[in-house]
Amino acid sequence: DALALPTREVDVLLAPLAGPWMKLADGVDFVRAVAPRTVIPIHD
């Protein structure tokens, strides 16, 4: 339950989609910042 960025390139990101601690825009920004090859949405 954190949106802190990894320190290296990511192949597959398990990306939180929703939660009482985030907005949809936060999730989109996180995916865009990490820029993995594959995103699997979770936590929904």
All heavy atoms as atom14 arrays in JSON, in Angstrom:
{
  "sequence": "DALALPTREVDVLLAPLAGPWMKLADGVDFVRAVAPRTVIPIHD",
  "atom14_mask": [
    [1, 1, 1, 1, 1, 1, 1, 1, 0, 0, 0, 0, 0, 0],
    [1, 1, 1, 1, 1, 0, 0, 0, 0, 0, 0, 0, 0, 0],
    [1, 1, 1, 1, 1, 1, 1, 1, 0, 0, 0, 0, 0, 0],
    [1, 1, 1, 1, 1, 0, 0, 0, 0, 0, 0, 0, 0, 0],
    [1, 1, 1, 1, 1, 1, 1, 1, 0, 0, 0, 0, 0, 0],
    [1, 1, 1, 1, 1, 1, 1, 0, 0, 0, 0, 0, 0, 0],
    [1, 1, 1, 1, 1, 1, 1, 0, 0, 0, 0, 0, 0, 0],
    [1, 1, 1, 1, 1, 1, 1, 1, 1, 1, 1, 0, 0, 0],
    [1, 1, 1, 1, 1, 1, 1, 1, 1, 0, 0, 0, 0, 0],
    [1, 1, 1, 1, 1, 1, 1, 0, 0, 0, 0, 0, 0, 0],
    [1, 1, 1, 1, 1, 1, 1, 1, 0, 0, 0, 0, 0, 0],
    [1, 1, 1, 1, 1, 1, 1, 0, 0, 0, 0, 0, 0, 0],
    [1, 1, 1, 1, 1, 1, 1, 1, 0, 0, 0, 0, 0, 0],
    [1, 1, 1, 1, 1, 1, 1, 1, 0, 0, 0, 0, 0, 0],
    [1, 1, 1, 1, 1, 0, 0, 0, 0, 0, 0, 0, 0, 0],
    [1, 1, 1, 1, 1, 1, 1, 0, 0, 0, 0, 0, 0, 0],
    [1, 1, 1, 1, 1, 1, 1, 1, 0, 0, 0, 0, 0, 0],
    [1, 1, 1, 1, 1, 0, 0, 0, 0, 0, 0, 0, 0, 0],
    [1, 1, 1, 1, 0, 0, 0, 0, 0, 0, 0, 0, 0, 0],
    [1, 1, 1, 1, 1, 1, 1, 0, 0, 0, 0, 0, 0, 0],
    [1, 1, 1, 1, 1, 1, 1, 1, 1, 1, 1, 1, 1, 1],
    [1, 1, 1, 1, 1, 1, 1, 1, 0, 0, 0, 0, 0, 0],
    [1, 1, 1, 1, 1, 1, 1, 1, 1, 0, 0, 0, 0, 0],
    [1, 1, 1, 1, 1, 1, 1, 1, 0, 0, 0, 0, 0, 0],
    [1, 1, 1, 1, 1, 0, 0, 0, 0, 0, 0, 0, 0, 0],
    [1, 1, 1, 1, 1, 1, 1, 1, 0, 0, 0, 0, 0, 0],
    [1, 1, 1, 1, 0, 0, 0, 0, 0, 0, 0, 0, 0, 0],
    [1, 1, 1, 1, 1, 1, 1, 0, 0, 0, 0, 0, 0, 0],
    [1, 1, 1, 1, 1, 1, 1, 1, 0, 0, 0, 0, 0, 0],
    [1, 1, 1, 1, 1, 1, 1, 1, 1, 1, 1, 0, 0, 0],
    [1, 1, 1, 1, 1, 1, 1, 0, 0, 0, 0, 0, 0, 0],
    [1, 1, 1, 1, 1, 1, 1, 1, 1, 1, 1, 0, 0, 0],
    [1, 1, 1, 1, 1, 0, 0, 0, 0, 0, 0, 0, 0, 0],
    [1, 1, 1, 1, 1, 1, 1, 0, 0, 0, 0, 0, 0, 0],
    [1, 1, 1, 1, 1, 0, 0, 0, 0, 0, 0, 0, 0, 0],
    [1, 1, 1, 1, 1, 1, 1, 0, 0, 0, 0, 0, 0, 0],
    [1, 1, 1, 1, 1, 1, 1, 1, 1, 1, 1, 0, 0, 0],
    [1, 1, 1, 1, 1, 1, 1, 0, 0, 0, 0, 0, 0, 0],
    [1, 1, 1, 1, 1, 1, 1, 0, 0, 0, 0, 0, 0, 0],
    [1, 1, 1, 1, 1, 1, 1, 1, 0, 0, 0, 0, 0, 0],
    [1, 1, 1, 1, 1, 1, 1, 0, 0, 0, 0, 0, 0, 0],
    [1, 1, 1, 1, 1, 1, 1, 1, 0, 0, 0, 0, 0, 0],
    [1, 1, 1, 1, 1, 1, 1, 1, 1, 1, 0, 0, 0, 0],
    [1, 1, 1, 1, 1, 1, 1, 1, 0, 0, 0, 0, 0, 0]
  ],
  "atom14_positions": [
    [[0.84, -1.2, 0.0], [0.0, 0.0, 0.0], [0.87, 1.25, 0.0], [0.77, 2.13, 0.87], [-0.94, 0.0, 1.21], [-2.13, -0.93, 1.01], [-2.17, -1.64, -0.01], [-3.01, -0.96, 1.9], [0.0, 0.0, 0.0], [0.0, 0.0, 0.0], [0.0, 0.0, 0.0], [0.0, 0.0, 0.0], [0.0, 0.0, 0.0], [0.0, 0.0, 0.0]],
    [[1.76, 1.32, -0.98], [2.65, 2.47, -1.13], [2.79, 2.75, -2.62], [2.72, 1.84, -3.44], [4.01, 2.18, -0.5], [0.0, 0.0, 0.0], [0.0, 0.0, 0.0], [0.0, 0.0, 0.0], [0.0, 0.0, 0.0], [0.0, 0.0, 0.0], [0.0, 0.0, 0.0], [0.0, 0.0, 0.0], [0.0, 0.0, 0.0], [0.0, 0.0, 0.0]],
    [[3.02, 4.0, -2.92], [3.24, 4.41, -4.31], [4.65, 4.96, -4.47], [4.9, 5.8, -5.34], [2.19, 5.44, -4.72], [0.73, 4.95, -4.68], [-0.23, 6.07, -5.06], [0.52, 3.74, -5.58], [0.0, 0.0, 0.0], [0.0, 0.0, 0.0], [0.0, 0.0, 0.0], [0.0, 0.0, 0.0], [0.0, 0.0, 0.0], [0.0, 0.0, 0.0]],
    [[5.57, 4.45, -3.65], [6.98, 4.83, -3.77], [7.58, 4.14, -5.0], [7.29, 2.97, -5.27], [7.74, 4.43, -2.51], [0.0, 0.0, 0.0], [0.0, 0.0, 0.0], [0.0, 0.0, 0.0], [0.0, 0.0, 0.0], [0.0, 0.0, 0.0], [0.0, 0.0, 0.0], [0.0, 0.0, 0.0], [0.0, 0.0, 0.0], [0.0, 0.0, 0.0]],
    [[8.41, 4.86, -5.72], [8.94, 4.34, -6.97], [10.07, 3.35, -6.73], [10.86, 3.52, -5.79], [9.44, 5.48, -7.85], [8.4, 6.52, -8.26], [9.05, 7.6, -9.11], [7.24, 5.87, -9.0], [0.0, 0.0, 0.0], [0.0, 0.0, 0.0], [0.0, 0.0, 0.0], [0.0, 0.0, 0.0], [0.0, 0.0, 0.0], [0.0, 0.0, 0.0]],
    [[10.16, 2.31, -7.56], [11.29, 1.38, -7.47], [12.58, 2.07, -7.91], [12.55, 3.13, -8.55], [10.9, 0.26, -8.43], [10.0, 0.92, -9.42], [9.25, 1.97, -8.66], [0.0, 0.0, 0.0], [0.0, 0.0, 0.0], [0.0, 0.0, 0.0], [0.0, 0.0, 0.0], [0.0, 0.0, 0.0], [0.0, 0.0, 0.0], [0.0, 0.0, 0.0]],
    [[13.7, 1.44, -7.57], [15.0, 2.03, -7.88], [15.61, 1.47, -9.16], [16.73, 1.83, -9.51], [15.97, 1.81, -6.72], [16.1, 0.4, -6.47], [15.48, 2.5, -5.46], [0.0, 0.0, 0.0], [0.0, 0.0, 0.0], [0.0, 0.0, 0.0], [0.0, 0.0, 0.0], [0.0, 0.0, 0.0], [0.0, 0.0, 0.0], [0.0, 0.0, 0.0]],
    [[14.89, 0.57, -9.83], [15.38, 0.0, -11.08], [14.21, -0.22, -12.01], [13.04, -0.11, -11.61], [16.12, -1.32, -10.83], [15.29, -2.37, -10.1], [15.93, -3.74, -10.21], [15.94, -4.21, -11.58], [16.59, -5.31, -11.98], [17.26, -6.02, -11.11], [16.55, -5.69, -13.25], [0.0, 0.0, 0.0], [0.0, 0.0, 0.0], [0.0, 0.0, 0.0]],
    [[14.52, -0.53, -13.25], [13.48, -0.77, -14.25], [12.66, -1.99, -13.86], [13.18, -2.95, -13.29], [14.11, -0.96, -15.62], [13.1, -1.03, -16.76], [13.78, -1.01, -18.12], [14.78, -0.29, -18.27], [13.28, -1.72, -19.02], [0.0, 0.0, 0.0], [0.0, 0.0, 0.0], [0.0, 0.0, 0.0], [0.0, 0.0, 0.0], [0.0, 0.0, 0.0]],
    [[11.37, -1.93, -14.17], [10.43, -2.99, -13.76], [9.86, -3.68, -15.0], [9.44, -3.02, -15.95], [9.29, -2.39, -12.91], [8.21, -3.43, -12.64], [9.84, -1.83, -11.61], [0.0, 0.0, 0.0], [0.0, 0.0, 0.0], [0.0, 0.0, 0.0], [0.0, 0.0, 0.0], [0.0, 0.0, 0.0], [0.0, 0.0, 0.0], [0.0, 0.0, 0.0]],
    [[9.84, -5.0, -14.96], [9.22, -5.77, -16.03], [7.72, -5.85, -15.8], [6.92, -5.46, -16.65], [9.84, -7.17, -16.06], [9.39, -8.0, -17.26], [8.61, -7.48, -18.07], [9.82, -9.16, -17.38], [0.0, 0.0, 0.0], [0.0, 0.0, 0.0], [0.0, 0.0, 0.0], [0.0, 0.0, 0.0], [0.0, 0.0, 0.0], [0.0, 0.0, 0.0]],
    [[7.31, -6.34, -14.63], [5.89, -6.49, -14.29], [5.59, -5.71, -13.01], [6.22, -5.93, -11.98], [5.51, -7.97, -14.09], [4.02, -8.1, -13.75], [5.86, -8.79, -15.33], [0.0, 0.0, 0.0], [0.0, 0.0, 0.0], [0.0, 0.0, 0.0], [0.0, 0.0, 0.0], [0.0, 0.0, 0.0], [0.0, 0.0, 0.0], [0.0, 0.0, 0.0]],
    [[4.63, -4.81, -13.08], [4.2, -4.02, -11.93], [2.83, -4.49, -11.48], [1.89, -4.53, -12.27], [4.13, -2.54, -12.3], [3.5, -1.61, -11.25], [4.35, -1.56, -9.99], [3.3, -0.21, -11.84], [0.0, 0.0, 0.0], [0.0, 0.0, 0.0], [0.0, 0.0, 0.0], [0.0, 0.0, 0.0], [0.0, 0.0, 0.0], [0.0, 0.0, 0.0]],
    [[2.72, -4.86, -10.2], [1.42, -5.14, -9.61], [0.91, -3.81, -9.05], [1.36, -3.36, -7.98], [1.55, -6.19, -8.5], [2.24, -7.49, -8.91], [2.21, -8.5, -7.76], [1.6, -8.1, -10.16], [0.0, 0.0, 0.0], [0.0, 0.0, 0.0], [0.0, 0.0, 0.0], [0.0, 0.0, 0.0], [0.0, 0.0, 0.0], [0.0, 0.0, 0.0]],
    [[0.01, -3.17, -9.77], [-0.35, -1.79, -9.5], [-1.67, -1.68, -8.75], [-2.71, -2.14, -9.25], [-0.45, -1.01, -10.81], [0.0, 0.0, 0.0], [0.0, 0.0, 0.0], [0.0, 0.0, 0.0], [0.0, 0.0, 0.0], [0.0, 0.0, 0.0], [0.0, 0.0, 0.0], [0.0, 0.0, 0.0], [0.0, 0.0, 0.0], [0.0, 0.0, 0.0]],
    [[-1.68, -1.07, -7.56], [-2.95, -0.84, -6.85], [-3.89, 0.0, -7.71], [-3.49, 1.03, -8.27], [-2.52, -0.1, -5.59], [-1.07, -0.43, -5.41], [-0.52, -0.58, -6.8], [0.0, 0.0, 0.0], [0.0, 0.0, 0.0], [0.0, 0.0, 0.0], [0.0, 0.0, 0.0], [0.0, 0.0, 0.0], [0.0, 0.0, 0.0], [0.0, 0.0, 0.0]],
    [[-5.13, -0.45, -7.77], [-6.11, 0.24, -8.61], [-6.99, 1.18, -7.8], [-7.5, 2.17, -8.32], [-6.99, -0.79, -9.32], [-7.72, -0.36, -10.58], [-6.74, 0.02, -11.67], [-8.63, -1.49, -11.09], [0.0, 0.0, 0.0], [0.0, 0.0, 0.0], [0.0, 0.0, 0.0], [0.0, 0.0, 0.0], [0.0, 0.0, 0.0], [0.0, 0.0, 0.0]],
    [[-7.16, 0.87, -6.51], [-8.04, 1.68, -5.67], [-7.73, 1.39, -4.2], [-7.11, 0.38, -3.87], [-9.51, 1.36, -5.96], [0.0, 0.0, 0.0], [0.0, 0.0, 0.0], [0.0, 0.0, 0.0], [0.0, 0.0, 0.0], [0.0, 0.0, 0.0], [0.0, 0.0, 0.0], [0.0, 0.0, 0.0], [0.0, 0.0, 0.0], [0.0, 0.0, 0.0]],
    [[-8.2, 2.26, -3.34], [-8.04, 2.07, -1.91], [-8.46, 3.35, -1.19], [-8.53, 4.42, -1.82], [0.0, 0.0, 0.0], [0.0, 0.0, 0.0], [0.0, 0.0, 0.0], [0.0, 0.0, 0.0], [0.0, 0.0, 0.0], [0.0, 0.0, 0.0], [0.0, 0.0, 0.0], [0.0, 0.0, 0.0], [0.0, 0.0, 0.0], [0.0, 0.0, 0.0]],
    [[-8.72, 3.28, 0.11], [-9.12, 4.48, 0.85], [-8.0, 5.5, 0.98], [-8.22, 6.6, 1.47], [-9.53, 3.93, 2.22], [-8.78, 2.65, 2.36], [-8.69, 2.08, 0.98], [0.0, 0.0, 0.0], [0.0, 0.0, 0.0], [0.0, 0.0, 0.0], [0.0, 0.0, 0.0], [0.0, 0.0, 0.0], [0.0, 0.0, 0.0], [0.0, 0.0, 0.0]],
    [[-6.8, 5.14, 0.53], [-5.63, 6.01, 0.64], [-5.18, 6.55, -0.72], [-4.12, 7.19, -0.8], [-4.46, 5.25, 1.29], [-4.3, 3.85, 0.77], [-4.85, 2.71, 1.29], [-3.56, 3.44, -0.39], [-4.49, 1.62, 0.54], [-3.7, 2.03, -0.49], [-2.78, 4.1, -1.33], [-3.1, 1.29, -1.51], [-2.18, 3.37, -2.35], [-2.35, 1.98, -2.42]],
    [[-5.96, 6.33, -1.77], [-5.53, 6.8, -3.08], [-6.7, 7.24, -3.95], [-7.84, 6.81, -3.76], [-4.75, 5.7, -3.82], [-5.59, 4.49, -4.23], [-4.64, 3.22, -5.14], [-4.35, 4.05, -6.71], [0.0, 0.0, 0.0], [0.0, 0.0, 0.0], [0.0, 0.0, 0.0], [0.0, 0.0, 0.0], [0.0, 0.0, 0.0], [0.0, 0.0, 0.0]],
    [[-6.39, 8.11, -4.9], [-7.32, 8.49, -5.96], [-6.92, 7.75, -7.24], [-5.78, 7.3, -7.38], [-7.27, 9.99, -6.21], [-7.64, 10.86, -5.02], [-7.57, 12.34, -5.37], [-6.15, 12.77, -5.71], [-6.05, 14.23, -5.94], [0.0, 0.0, 0.0], [0.0, 0.0, 0.0], [0.0, 0.0, 0.0], [0.0, 0.0, 0.0], [0.0, 0.0, 0.0]],
    [[-7.85, 7.66, -8.16], [-7.54, 7.05, -9.45], [-6.36, 7.76, -10.12], [-5.47, 7.11, -10.69], [-8.77, 7.1, -10.36], [-8.58, 6.65, -11.81], [-8.01, 5.24, -11.89], [-9.91, 6.74, -12.55], [0.0, 0.0, 0.0], [0.0, 0.0, 0.0], [0.0, 0.0, 0.0], [0.0, 0.0, 0.0], [0.0, 0.0, 0.0], [0.0, 0.0, 0.0]],
    [[-6.31, 9.08, -10.01], [-5.21, 9.83, -10.61], [-3.86, 9.42, -10.02], [-2.84, 9.39, -10.72], [-5.42, 11.33, -10.41], [0.0, 0.0, 0.0], [0.0, 0.0, 0.0], [0.0, 0.0, 0.0], [0.0, 0.0, 0.0], [0.0, 0.0, 0.0], [0.0, 0.0, 0.0], [0.0, 0.0, 0.0], [0.0, 0.0, 0.0], [0.0, 0.0, 0.0]],
    [[-3.83, 9.08, -8.72], [-2.59, 8.63, -8.08], [-2.1, 7.33, -8.74], [-0.91, 7.16, -8.99], [-2.8, 8.39, -6.59], [-3.18, 9.64, -5.83], [-2.75, 10.74, -6.24], [-3.9, 9.51, -4.82], [0.0, 0.0, 0.0], [0.0, 0.0, 0.0], [0.0, 0.0, 0.0], [0.0, 0.0, 0.0], [0.0, 0.0, 0.0], [0.0, 0.0, 0.0]],
    [[-3.05, 6.42, -8.99], [-2.69, 5.16, -9.61], [-2.17, 5.34, -11.03], [-1.21, 4.68, -11.44], [0.0, 0.0, 0.0], [0.0, 0.0, 0.0], [0.0, 0.0, 0.0], [0.0, 0.0, 0.0], [0.0, 0.0, 0.0], [0.0, 0.0, 0.0], [0.0, 0.0, 0.0], [0.0, 0.0, 0.0], [0.0, 0.0, 0.0], [0.0, 0.0, 0.0]],
    [[-2.8, 6.23, -11.78], [-2.34, 6.5, -13.15], [-0.94, 7.11, -13.12], [-0.05, 6.7, -13.89], [-3.32, 7.45, -13.87], [-2.77, 7.85, -15.23], [-4.68, 6.77, -14.04], [0.0, 0.0, 0.0], [0.0, 0.0, 0.0], [0.0, 0.0, 0.0], [0.0, 0.0, 0.0], [0.0, 0.0, 0.0], [0.0, 0.0, 0.0], [0.0, 0.0, 0.0]],
    [[-0.72, 8.07, -12.24], [0.6, 8.7, -12.14], [1.67, 7.68, -11.76], [2.81, 7.74, -12.24], [0.57, 9.84, -11.12], [-0.19, 11.06, -11.61], [-0.43, 11.17, -12.84], [-0.54, 11.91, -10.76], [0.0, 0.0, 0.0], [0.0, 0.0, 0.0], [0.0, 0.0, 0.0], [0.0, 0.0, 0.0], [0.0, 0.0, 0.0], [0.0, 0.0, 0.0]],
    [[1.32, 6.76, -10.88], [2.27, 5.73, -10.44], [2.67, 4.84, -11.63], [3.86, 4.59, -11.85], [1.62, 4.9, -9.33], [2.51, 3.83, -8.75], [3.73, 4.13, -8.2], [2.07, 2.51, -8.73], [4.54, 3.14, -7.63], [2.86, 1.52, -8.17], [4.09, 1.83, -7.63], [0.0, 0.0, 0.0], [0.0, 0.0, 0.0], [0.0, 0.0, 0.0]],
    [[1.69, 4.39, -12.38], [1.99, 3.55, -13.55], [2.84, 4.31, -14.55], [3.8, 3.77, -15.12], [0.68, 3.05, -14.2], [0.95, 2.42, -15.56], [-0.02, 2.05, -13.27], [0.0, 0.0, 0.0], [0.0, 0.0, 0.0], [0.0, 0.0, 0.0], [0.0, 0.0, 0.0], [0.0, 0.0, 0.0], [0.0, 0.0, 0.0], [0.0, 0.0, 0.0]],
    [[2.52, 5.56, -14.78], [3.27, 6.36, -15.74], [4.71, 6.59, -15.28], [5.65, 6.61, -16.08], [2.57, 7.69, -16.0], [1.26, 7.53, -16.77], [0.5, 8.86, -16.87], [1.25, 9.87, -17.6], [1.25, 10.0, -18.91], [0.55, 9.17, -19.67], [1.94, 10.96, -19.5], [0.0, 0.0, 0.0], [0.0, 0.0, 0.0], [0.0, 0.0, 0.0]],
    [[4.9, 6.76, -13.97], [6.24, 7.0, -13.45], [7.1, 5.75, -13.48], [8.29, 5.81, -13.79], [6.15, 7.54, -12.02], [0.0, 0.0, 0.0], [0.0, 0.0, 0.0], [0.0, 0.0, 0.0], [0.0, 0.0, 0.0], [0.0, 0.0, 0.0], [0.0, 0.0, 0.0], [0.0, 0.0, 0.0], [0.0, 0.0, 0.0], [0.0, 0.0, 0.0]],
    [[6.5, 4.61, -13.18], [7.25, 3.35, -13.18], [7.51, 2.89, -14.62], [8.59, 2.37, -14.94], [6.51, 2.26, -12.39], [7.24, 0.92, -12.47], [6.34, 2.68, -10.93], [0.0, 0.0, 0.0], [0.0, 0.0, 0.0], [0.0, 0.0, 0.0], [0.0, 0.0, 0.0], [0.0, 0.0, 0.0], [0.0, 0.0, 0.0], [0.0, 0.0, 0.0]],
    [[6.52, 3.06, -15.5], [6.63, 2.69, -16.92], [7.14, 1.27, -17.11], [8.14, 1.04, -17.8], [7.53, 3.68, -17.65], [0.0, 0.0, 0.0], [0.0, 0.0, 0.0], [0.0, 0.0, 0.0], [0.0, 0.0, 0.0], [0.0, 0.0, 0.0], [0.0, 0.0, 0.0], [0.0, 0.0, 0.0], [0.0, 0.0, 0.0], [0.0, 0.0, 0.0]],
    [[6.45, 0.27, -16.54], [6.87, -1.11, -16.71], [6.48, -1.64, -18.08], [5.74, -1.0, -18.82], [6.08, -1.84, -15.62], [4.8, -1.07, -15.56], [5.2, 0.37, -15.79], [0.0, 0.0, 0.0], [0.0, 0.0, 0.0], [0.0, 0.0, 0.0], [0.0, 0.0, 0.0], [0.0, 0.0, 0.0], [0.0, 0.0, 0.0], [0.0, 0.0, 0.0]],
    [[6.95, -2.83, -18.4], [6.5, -3.47, -19.63], [5.06, -3.94, -19.49], [4.27, -3.86, -20.43], [7.41, -4.65, -19.96], [8.83, -4.26, -20.33], [9.69, -5.47, -20.58], [11.07, -5.09, -20.88], [12.08, -5.93, -20.92], [11.88, -7.21, -20.67], [13.3, -5.51, -21.2], [0.0, 0.0, 0.0], [0.0, 0.0, 0.0], [0.0, 0.0, 0.0]],
    [[4.73, -4.46, -18.3], [3.39, -5.01, -18.07], [2.85, -4.5, -16.74], [3.58, -4.46, -15.74], [3.43, -6.55, -18.03], [3.95, -7.04, -19.28], [2.05, -7.14, -17.79], [0.0, 0.0, 0.0], [0.0, 0.0, 0.0], [0.0, 0.0, 0.0], [0.0, 0.0, 0.0], [0.0, 0.0, 0.0], [0.0, 0.0, 0.0], [0.0, 0.0, 0.0]],
    [[1.58, -4.12, -16.72], [0.88, -3.74, -15.49], [-0.24, -4.74, -15.24], [-1.05, -5.01, -16.14], [0.27, -2.33, -15.61], [-0.61, -2.04, -14.39], [1.35, -1.28, -15.73], [0.0, 0.0, 0.0], [0.0, 0.0, 0.0], [0.0, 0.0, 0.0], [0.0, 0.0, 0.0], [0.0, 0.0, 0.0], [0.0, 0.0, 0.0], [0.0, 0.0, 0.0]],
    [[-0.26, -5.29, -14.04], [-1.39, -6.11, -13.6], [-2.11, -5.34, -12.51], [-1.54, -5.1, -11.43], [-0.92, -7.48, -13.08], [-0.23, -8.27, -14.19], [-2.11, -8.28, -12.52], [0.36, -9.6, -13.72], [0.0, 0.0, 0.0], [0.0, 0.0, 0.0], [0.0, 0.0, 0.0], [0.0, 0.0, 0.0], [0.0, 0.0, 0.0], [0.0, 0.0, 0.0]],
    [[-3.35, -4.89, -12.74], [-4.06, -4.14, -11.71], [-4.51, -5.05, -10.57], [-4.99, -6.17, -10.79], [-5.26, -3.56, -12.45], [-5.46, -4.45, -13.63], [-4.12, -4.98, -14.0], [0.0, 0.0, 0.0], [0.0, 0.0, 0.0], [0.0, 0.0, 0.0], [0.0, 0.0, 0.0], [0.0, 0.0, 0.0], [0.0, 0.0, 0.0], [0.0, 0.0, 0.0]],
    [[-4.31, -4.57, -9.33], [-4.7, -5.33, -8.14], [-5.36, -4.37, -7.15], [-5.57, -3.2, -7.44], [-3.47, -6.02, -7.48], [-2.48, -4.97, -6.96], [-2.79, -6.96, -8.46], [-1.4, -5.54, -6.07], [0.0, 0.0, 0.0], [0.0, 0.0, 0.0], [0.0, 0.0, 0.0], [0.0, 0.0, 0.0], [0.0, 0.0, 0.0], [0.0, 0.0, 0.0]],
    [[-5.71, -4.89, -5.98], [-6.19, -4.09, -4.86], [-7.46, -3.33, -5.23], [-7.57, -2.12, -5.03], [-5.1, -3.12, -4.39], [-5.22, -2.72, -2.95], [-6.02, -1.69, -2.53], [-4.65, -3.21, -1.83], [-5.94, -1.55, -1.23], [-5.1, -2.48, -0.77], [0.0, 0.0, 0.0], [0.0, 0.0, 0.0], [0.0, 0.0, 0.0], [0.0, 0.0, 0.0]],
    [[-8.45, -4.06, -5.78], [-9.66, -3.39, -6.26], [-10.94, -4.05, -5.76], [-12.01, -3.79, -6.32], [-9.66, -3.35, -7.79], [-9.62, -4.73, -8.43], [-9.58, -5.74, -7.7], [-9.62, -4.8, -9.68], [0.0, 0.0, 0.0], [0.0, 0.0, 0.0], [0.0, 0.0, 0.0], [0.0, 0.0, 0.0], [0.0, 0.0, 0.0], [0.0, 0.0, 0.0]]
  ]
}
